[in-house]
Amino acid sequence: MLGEQLGEELGKRTGRRVLSVDGGFKVEVAFESKGKLLGVDIMEIGTYWSQNNPDGSLYGEGQGVVITNDGDVATWKGSGVGRFVGGGAVKYRGAIYYTTASQKLARLNGAATVFEFDVDPEGNTHSKLWEWK
């Protein structure tokens, strides 16, 4: 069951790199964003790879770091599925798992979270995060 929305961020794709073209493609993407997580102002840096499937869908895995304005840190790992939606835009949906020593972000430890991550044709990102209960 989808629980409370935990965060929302806006950002920008900062880099792309082709990792492989054997039997399809595999691309690495980096992004940076700012927003709120558990009501706390944060910035995030993340990297993920994505590869195409024979049916045209995408699968990817990523990792990143979240830093609060006060310097608290959380790291994450996740995976998801995606699809191209026209003009170079992409939509991903998946799950993320966090680790942190921060008291402000401690609720994330041991929680399963699900995300929406959208990238428009200009490389602008918009993400939302919910607790999965």
N, C-alpha and C. Protein backbone atom coordinates (compact mmCIF):
# COMPACT_ATOMS: atom_id res chain seq x y z
N MET A 1 0.84 -1.18 0.00
CA MET A 1 0.00 0.00 0.00
C MET A 1 0.88 1.24 0.00
N LEU A 2 0.53 2.17 -0.84
CA LEU A 2 1.28 3.42 -0.91
C LEU A 2 0.95 4.27 0.31
N GLY A 3 1.98 4.73 1.00
CA GLY A 3 1.80 5.56 2.18
C GLY A 3 2.01 7.03 1.88
N GLU A 4 2.45 7.73 2.88
CA GLU A 4 2.64 9.18 2.82
C GLU A 4 3.74 9.58 1.83
N GLN A 5 3.54 10.71 1.16
CA GLN A 5 4.60 11.24 0.30
C GLN A 5 5.70 11.78 1.21
N LEU A 6 6.94 11.32 0.98
CA LEU A 6 8.06 11.69 1.82
C LEU A 6 8.91 12.82 1.25
N GLY A 7 8.85 13.01 -0.07
CA GLY A 7 9.70 14.04 -0.65
C GLY A 7 9.36 14.36 -2.08
N GLU A 8 9.93 15.49 -2.52
CA GLU A 8 9.79 15.93 -3.90
C GLU A 8 10.99 16.80 -4.24
N GLU A 9 11.52 16.63 -5.47
CA GLU A 9 12.72 17.35 -5.89
C GLU A 9 12.62 17.78 -7.34
N LEU A 10 13.30 18.86 -7.65
CA LEU A 10 13.49 19.32 -9.02
C LEU A 10 14.99 19.41 -9.27
N GLY A 11 15.42 19.04 -10.48
CA GLY A 11 16.85 19.06 -10.74
C GLY A 11 17.17 19.07 -12.22
N LYS A 12 18.39 18.63 -12.51
CA LYS A 12 18.91 18.68 -13.87
C LYS A 12 19.83 17.48 -14.10
N ARG A 13 19.69 16.89 -15.28
CA ARG A 13 20.65 15.87 -15.70
C ARG A 13 21.97 16.59 -15.95
N THR A 14 23.05 16.06 -15.39
CA THR A 14 24.34 16.74 -15.50
C THR A 14 25.33 16.01 -16.39
N GLY A 15 25.01 14.79 -16.78
CA GLY A 15 25.92 14.05 -17.66
C GLY A 15 25.31 12.76 -18.14
N ARG A 16 25.82 12.32 -19.29
CA ARG A 16 25.42 11.02 -19.85
C ARG A 16 26.66 10.39 -20.48
N ARG A 17 26.71 9.06 -20.40
CA ARG A 17 27.83 8.33 -20.97
C ARG A 17 27.34 6.98 -21.45
N VAL A 18 27.71 6.61 -22.68
CA VAL A 18 27.34 5.31 -23.21
C VAL A 18 28.30 4.26 -22.64
N LEU A 19 27.74 3.24 -22.00
CA LEU A 19 28.54 2.17 -21.42
C LEU A 19 28.69 0.99 -22.36
N SER A 20 27.65 0.74 -23.17
CA SER A 20 27.69 -0.41 -24.07
C SER A 20 26.66 -0.23 -25.18
N VAL A 21 26.94 -0.81 -26.34
CA VAL A 21 25.97 -0.89 -27.43
C VAL A 21 25.86 -2.33 -27.94
N ASP A 22 26.35 -3.27 -27.18
CA ASP A 22 26.30 -4.69 -27.55
C ASP A 22 24.93 -5.26 -27.19
N GLY A 23 24.15 -5.63 -28.20
CA GLY A 23 22.83 -6.21 -27.96
C GLY A 23 21.81 -5.21 -27.46
N GLY A 24 21.96 -3.96 -27.76
CA GLY A 24 21.10 -2.89 -27.26
C GLY A 24 21.98 -1.77 -26.78
N PHE A 25 21.51 -1.02 -25.80
CA PHE A 25 22.36 0.04 -25.25
C PHE A 25 22.27 0.06 -23.73
N LYS A 26 23.33 0.55 -23.13
CA LYS A 26 23.39 0.78 -21.70
C LYS A 26 24.04 2.14 -21.51
N VAL A 27 23.32 3.04 -20.83
CA VAL A 27 23.77 4.42 -20.66
C VAL A 27 23.82 4.76 -19.18
N GLU A 28 24.85 5.50 -18.79
CA GLU A 28 24.98 6.02 -17.43
C GLU A 28 24.54 7.48 -17.42
N VAL A 29 23.77 7.86 -16.41
CA VAL A 29 23.25 9.22 -16.30
C VAL A 29 23.55 9.74 -14.90
N ALA A 30 23.99 11.01 -14.82
CA ALA A 30 24.20 11.68 -13.54
C ALA A 30 23.21 12.84 -13.45
N PHE A 31 22.77 13.13 -12.22
CA PHE A 31 21.85 14.25 -12.01
C PHE A 31 22.11 14.89 -10.65
N GLU A 32 21.66 16.13 -10.51
CA GLU A 32 21.66 16.85 -9.24
C GLU A 32 20.28 17.47 -9.07
N SER A 33 19.81 17.51 -7.83
CA SER A 33 18.49 18.08 -7.59
C SER A 33 18.43 18.71 -6.20
N LYS A 34 17.39 19.50 -6.00
CA LYS A 34 17.11 20.12 -4.70
C LYS A 34 15.63 19.95 -4.41
N GLY A 35 15.31 19.86 -3.13
CA GLY A 35 13.91 19.73 -2.74
C GLY A 35 13.78 19.50 -1.26
N LYS A 36 12.75 18.75 -0.92
CA LYS A 36 12.48 18.42 0.48
C LYS A 36 12.35 16.91 0.63
N LEU A 37 12.87 16.41 1.74
CA LEU A 37 12.76 15.01 2.11
C LEU A 37 12.41 14.98 3.58
N LEU A 38 11.29 14.38 3.93
CA LEU A 38 10.78 14.39 5.31
C LEU A 38 10.66 15.81 5.85
N GLY A 39 10.33 16.76 4.99
CA GLY A 39 10.16 18.15 5.38
C GLY A 39 11.44 18.92 5.55
N VAL A 40 12.58 18.31 5.25
CA VAL A 40 13.91 18.92 5.41
C VAL A 40 14.43 19.33 4.03
N ASP A 41 14.98 20.53 3.90
CA ASP A 41 15.59 20.98 2.65
C ASP A 41 16.85 20.15 2.37
N ILE A 42 16.94 19.65 1.14
CA ILE A 42 18.07 18.79 0.78
C ILE A 42 18.57 19.10 -0.63
N MET A 43 19.78 18.66 -0.89
CA MET A 43 20.31 18.57 -2.25
C MET A 43 20.69 17.12 -2.45
N GLU A 44 20.64 16.67 -3.70
CA GLU A 44 20.93 15.28 -3.99
C GLU A 44 21.82 15.18 -5.22
N ILE A 45 22.73 14.22 -5.18
CA ILE A 45 23.56 13.89 -6.33
C ILE A 45 23.35 12.39 -6.56
N GLY A 46 23.03 12.03 -7.80
CA GLY A 46 22.79 10.62 -8.09
C GLY A 46 23.33 10.21 -9.44
N THR A 47 23.57 8.92 -9.57
CA THR A 47 24.01 8.32 -10.83
C THR A 47 23.25 7.02 -11.01
N TYR A 48 22.80 6.78 -12.24
CA TYR A 48 22.15 5.51 -12.54
C TYR A 48 22.54 5.06 -13.93
N TRP A 49 22.42 3.76 -14.15
CA TRP A 49 22.56 3.24 -15.51
C TRP A 49 21.21 2.70 -15.94
N SER A 50 20.99 2.75 -17.23
CA SER A 50 19.73 2.29 -17.80
C SER A 50 20.02 1.55 -19.09
N GLN A 51 19.31 0.44 -19.29
CA GLN A 51 19.48 -0.32 -20.52
C GLN A 51 18.11 -0.61 -21.12
N ASN A 52 18.09 -0.76 -22.44
CA ASN A 52 16.83 -1.03 -23.12
C ASN A 52 16.54 -2.53 -23.12
N ASN A 53 15.26 -2.85 -23.09
CA ASN A 53 14.77 -4.21 -23.20
C ASN A 53 14.21 -4.43 -24.60
N PRO A 54 14.09 -5.68 -25.04
CA PRO A 54 13.58 -5.94 -26.39
C PRO A 54 12.20 -5.32 -26.67
N ASP A 55 11.38 -5.15 -25.63
CA ASP A 55 10.03 -4.59 -25.83
C ASP A 55 10.02 -3.06 -25.85
N GLY A 56 11.20 -2.44 -25.74
CA GLY A 56 11.29 -0.98 -25.74
C GLY A 56 11.28 -0.35 -24.37
N SER A 57 10.98 -1.12 -23.33
CA SER A 57 11.03 -0.59 -21.97
C SER A 57 12.49 -0.47 -21.52
N LEU A 58 12.70 0.18 -20.39
CA LEU A 58 14.03 0.38 -19.83
C LEU A 58 14.10 -0.22 -18.44
N TYR A 59 15.29 -0.68 -18.05
CA TYR A 59 15.56 -1.12 -16.69
C TYR A 59 16.83 -0.42 -16.24
N GLY A 60 16.85 0.03 -14.97
CA GLY A 60 18.04 0.69 -14.48
C GLY A 60 18.25 0.51 -12.99
N GLU A 61 19.48 0.79 -12.57
CA GLU A 61 19.85 0.77 -11.16
C GLU A 61 20.68 2.00 -10.86
N GLY A 62 20.55 2.52 -9.64
CA GLY A 62 21.28 3.73 -9.30
C GLY A 62 21.66 3.81 -7.85
N GLN A 63 22.40 4.87 -7.56
CA GLN A 63 22.82 5.17 -6.19
C GLN A 63 23.03 6.66 -6.07
N GLY A 64 22.98 7.14 -4.83
CA GLY A 64 23.16 8.57 -4.66
C GLY A 64 23.37 8.96 -3.21
N VAL A 65 23.55 10.26 -3.03
CA VAL A 65 23.74 10.83 -1.71
C VAL A 65 22.83 12.04 -1.57
N VAL A 66 22.22 12.16 -0.41
CA VAL A 66 21.35 13.27 -0.04
C VAL A 66 22.05 14.02 1.08
N ILE A 67 22.10 15.35 0.98
CA ILE A 67 22.75 16.18 2.00
C ILE A 67 21.77 17.27 2.42
N THR A 68 21.52 17.39 3.71
CA THR A 68 20.65 18.44 4.22
C THR A 68 21.43 19.75 4.28
N ASN A 69 20.71 20.85 4.44
CA ASN A 69 21.38 22.16 4.58
C ASN A 69 22.27 22.21 5.80
N ASP A 70 21.99 21.37 6.81
CA ASP A 70 22.82 21.31 8.02
C ASP A 70 23.97 20.32 7.91
N GLY A 71 24.10 19.65 6.75
CA GLY A 71 25.22 18.73 6.55
C GLY A 71 24.94 17.28 6.89
N ASP A 72 23.70 16.95 7.27
CA ASP A 72 23.36 15.54 7.50
C ASP A 72 23.34 14.82 6.16
N VAL A 73 23.70 13.53 6.19
CA VAL A 73 23.85 12.77 4.95
C VAL A 73 23.04 11.48 5.01
N ALA A 74 22.45 11.12 3.87
CA ALA A 74 21.85 9.80 3.67
C ALA A 74 22.30 9.31 2.31
N THR A 75 22.51 8.02 2.18
CA THR A 75 22.84 7.43 0.89
C THR A 75 21.68 6.51 0.48
N TRP A 76 21.61 6.24 -0.81
CA TRP A 76 20.53 5.37 -1.31
C TRP A 76 21.01 4.49 -2.45
N LYS A 77 20.30 3.39 -2.62
CA LYS A 77 20.44 2.51 -3.77
C LYS A 77 19.04 2.15 -4.23
N GLY A 78 18.87 2.00 -5.54
CA GLY A 78 17.55 1.68 -6.02
C GLY A 78 17.56 1.09 -7.41
N SER A 79 16.38 0.71 -7.87
CA SER A 79 16.22 0.20 -9.22
C SER A 79 14.82 0.55 -9.70
N GLY A 80 14.66 0.52 -11.02
CA GLY A 80 13.36 0.85 -11.56
C GLY A 80 13.23 0.49 -13.02
N VAL A 81 12.02 0.69 -13.51
CA VAL A 81 11.72 0.48 -14.92
C VAL A 81 11.26 1.80 -15.51
N GLY A 82 11.47 1.94 -16.83
CA GLY A 82 11.11 3.20 -17.45
C GLY A 82 10.66 3.02 -18.88
N ARG A 83 10.32 4.16 -19.48
CA ARG A 83 9.93 4.17 -20.89
C ARG A 83 10.14 5.57 -21.45
N PHE A 84 10.44 5.61 -22.74
CA PHE A 84 10.52 6.88 -23.45
C PHE A 84 9.10 7.36 -23.70
N VAL A 85 8.87 8.68 -23.57
CA VAL A 85 7.52 9.21 -23.74
C VAL A 85 7.45 10.29 -24.81
N GLY A 86 8.49 10.42 -25.63
CA GLY A 86 8.46 11.37 -26.74
C GLY A 86 9.43 12.51 -26.58
N GLY A 87 10.08 12.85 -27.68
CA GLY A 87 11.00 13.99 -27.69
C GLY A 87 12.24 13.82 -26.84
N GLY A 88 12.52 12.60 -26.40
CA GLY A 88 13.67 12.36 -25.54
C GLY A 88 13.33 12.34 -24.06
N ALA A 89 12.06 12.56 -23.71
CA ALA A 89 11.65 12.49 -22.31
C ALA A 89 11.56 11.04 -21.86
N VAL A 90 11.81 10.81 -20.56
CA VAL A 90 11.80 9.47 -19.99
C VAL A 90 11.06 9.51 -18.66
N LYS A 91 10.31 8.45 -18.38
CA LYS A 91 9.64 8.28 -17.08
C LYS A 91 10.13 6.98 -16.46
N TYR A 92 10.54 7.05 -15.19
CA TYR A 92 10.96 5.87 -14.44
C TYR A 92 10.08 5.72 -13.21
N ARG A 93 9.85 4.47 -12.81
CA ARG A 93 9.15 4.14 -11.57
C ARG A 93 9.92 3.01 -10.92
N GLY A 94 10.10 3.09 -9.59
CA GLY A 94 10.86 2.04 -8.94
C GLY A 94 10.92 2.19 -7.44
N ALA A 95 11.91 1.55 -6.84
CA ALA A 95 12.07 1.52 -5.38
C ALA A 95 13.47 1.97 -4.99
N ILE A 96 13.55 2.64 -3.84
CA ILE A 96 14.82 3.13 -3.29
C ILE A 96 14.90 2.72 -1.83
N TYR A 97 16.12 2.41 -1.38
CA TYR A 97 16.38 2.06 0.01
C TYR A 97 17.51 2.95 0.52
N TYR A 98 17.27 3.59 1.67
CA TYR A 98 18.20 4.57 2.23
C TYR A 98 18.94 4.03 3.43
N THR A 99 20.11 4.62 3.69
CA THR A 99 20.88 4.38 4.90
C THR A 99 21.37 5.73 5.41
N THR A 100 21.19 5.98 6.71
CA THR A 100 21.64 7.25 7.28
C THR A 100 21.89 7.13 8.78
N ALA A 101 22.80 7.96 9.27
CA ALA A 101 23.02 8.11 10.71
C ALA A 101 22.34 9.37 11.21
N SER A 102 21.73 10.13 10.33
CA SER A 102 21.07 11.39 10.67
C SER A 102 19.79 11.14 11.47
N GLN A 103 19.63 11.87 12.56
CA GLN A 103 18.40 11.77 13.34
C GLN A 103 17.22 12.36 12.56
N LYS A 104 17.48 13.41 11.78
CA LYS A 104 16.42 14.06 11.00
C LYS A 104 15.86 13.12 9.92
N LEU A 105 16.72 12.25 9.39
CA LEU A 105 16.33 11.38 8.29
C LEU A 105 16.21 9.91 8.69
N ALA A 106 16.31 9.64 10.00
CA ALA A 106 16.36 8.26 10.50
C ALA A 106 15.15 7.42 10.09
N ARG A 107 14.02 8.05 9.87
CA ARG A 107 12.81 7.31 9.45
C ARG A 107 13.03 6.54 8.15
N LEU A 108 14.01 6.96 7.35
CA LEU A 108 14.29 6.30 6.08
C LEU A 108 14.97 4.94 6.25
N ASN A 109 15.69 4.77 7.37
CA ASN A 109 16.37 3.49 7.61
C ASN A 109 15.33 2.37 7.71
N GLY A 110 15.52 1.32 6.94
CA GLY A 110 14.63 0.18 6.99
C GLY A 110 13.30 0.37 6.29
N ALA A 111 13.10 1.52 5.69
CA ALA A 111 11.84 1.78 4.98
C ALA A 111 11.97 1.41 3.50
N ALA A 112 10.92 0.86 2.96
CA ALA A 112 10.84 0.68 1.51
C ALA A 112 10.16 1.92 0.95
N THR A 113 10.78 2.54 -0.03
CA THR A 113 10.19 3.72 -0.64
C THR A 113 10.05 3.48 -2.14
N VAL A 114 9.06 4.11 -2.73
CA VAL A 114 8.84 4.02 -4.17
C VAL A 114 8.90 5.42 -4.76
N PHE A 115 9.34 5.49 -6.01
CA PHE A 115 9.56 6.80 -6.62
C PHE A 115 8.97 6.91 -8.01
N GLU A 116 8.75 8.16 -8.41
CA GLU A 116 8.53 8.57 -9.79
C GLU A 116 9.69 9.49 -10.12
N PHE A 117 10.34 9.27 -11.23
CA PHE A 117 11.47 10.10 -11.67
C PHE A 117 11.26 10.38 -13.15
N ASP A 118 11.01 11.63 -13.47
CA ASP A 118 10.74 12.03 -14.85
C ASP A 118 11.82 12.98 -15.33
N VAL A 119 12.24 12.79 -16.57
CA VAL A 119 13.24 13.65 -17.21
C VAL A 119 12.62 14.19 -18.49
N ASP A 120 12.59 15.53 -18.64
CA ASP A 120 12.02 16.10 -19.86
C ASP A 120 13.08 16.18 -20.96
N PRO A 121 12.69 16.55 -22.19
CA PRO A 121 13.66 16.58 -23.30
C PRO A 121 14.86 17.49 -23.07
N GLU A 122 14.73 18.49 -22.20
CA GLU A 122 15.85 19.40 -21.92
C GLU A 122 16.73 18.93 -20.76
N GLY A 123 16.40 17.79 -20.17
CA GLY A 123 17.20 17.24 -19.08
C GLY A 123 16.79 17.70 -17.70
N ASN A 124 15.64 18.37 -17.57
CA ASN A 124 15.13 18.75 -16.26
C ASN A 124 14.48 17.54 -15.60
N THR A 125 14.73 17.36 -14.31
CA THR A 125 14.22 16.21 -13.59
C THR A 125 13.18 16.63 -12.56
N HIS A 126 12.24 15.75 -12.30
CA HIS A 126 11.22 15.94 -11.27
C HIS A 126 10.99 14.59 -10.64
N SER A 127 11.15 14.52 -9.33
CA SER A 127 10.96 13.24 -8.65
C SER A 127 10.06 13.41 -7.43
N LYS A 128 9.34 12.33 -7.15
CA LYS A 128 8.50 12.25 -5.95
C LYS A 128 8.77 10.91 -5.29
N LEU A 129 8.67 10.88 -3.96
CA LEU A 129 9.00 9.70 -3.18
C LEU A 129 7.89 9.43 -2.16
N TRP A 130 7.48 8.16 -2.06
CA TRP A 130 6.47 7.75 -1.09
C TRP A 130 6.99 6.58 -0.27
N GLU A 131 6.47 6.45 0.93
CA GLU A 131 6.72 5.25 1.72
C GLU A 131 5.83 4.13 1.20
N TRP A 132 6.38 2.94 1.11
CA TRP A 132 5.61 1.76 0.70
C TRP A 132 5.36 0.94 1.95
N LYS A 133 4.12 0.88 2.37
CA LYS A 133 3.78 0.19 3.63
C LYS A 133 3.35 -1.23 3.39
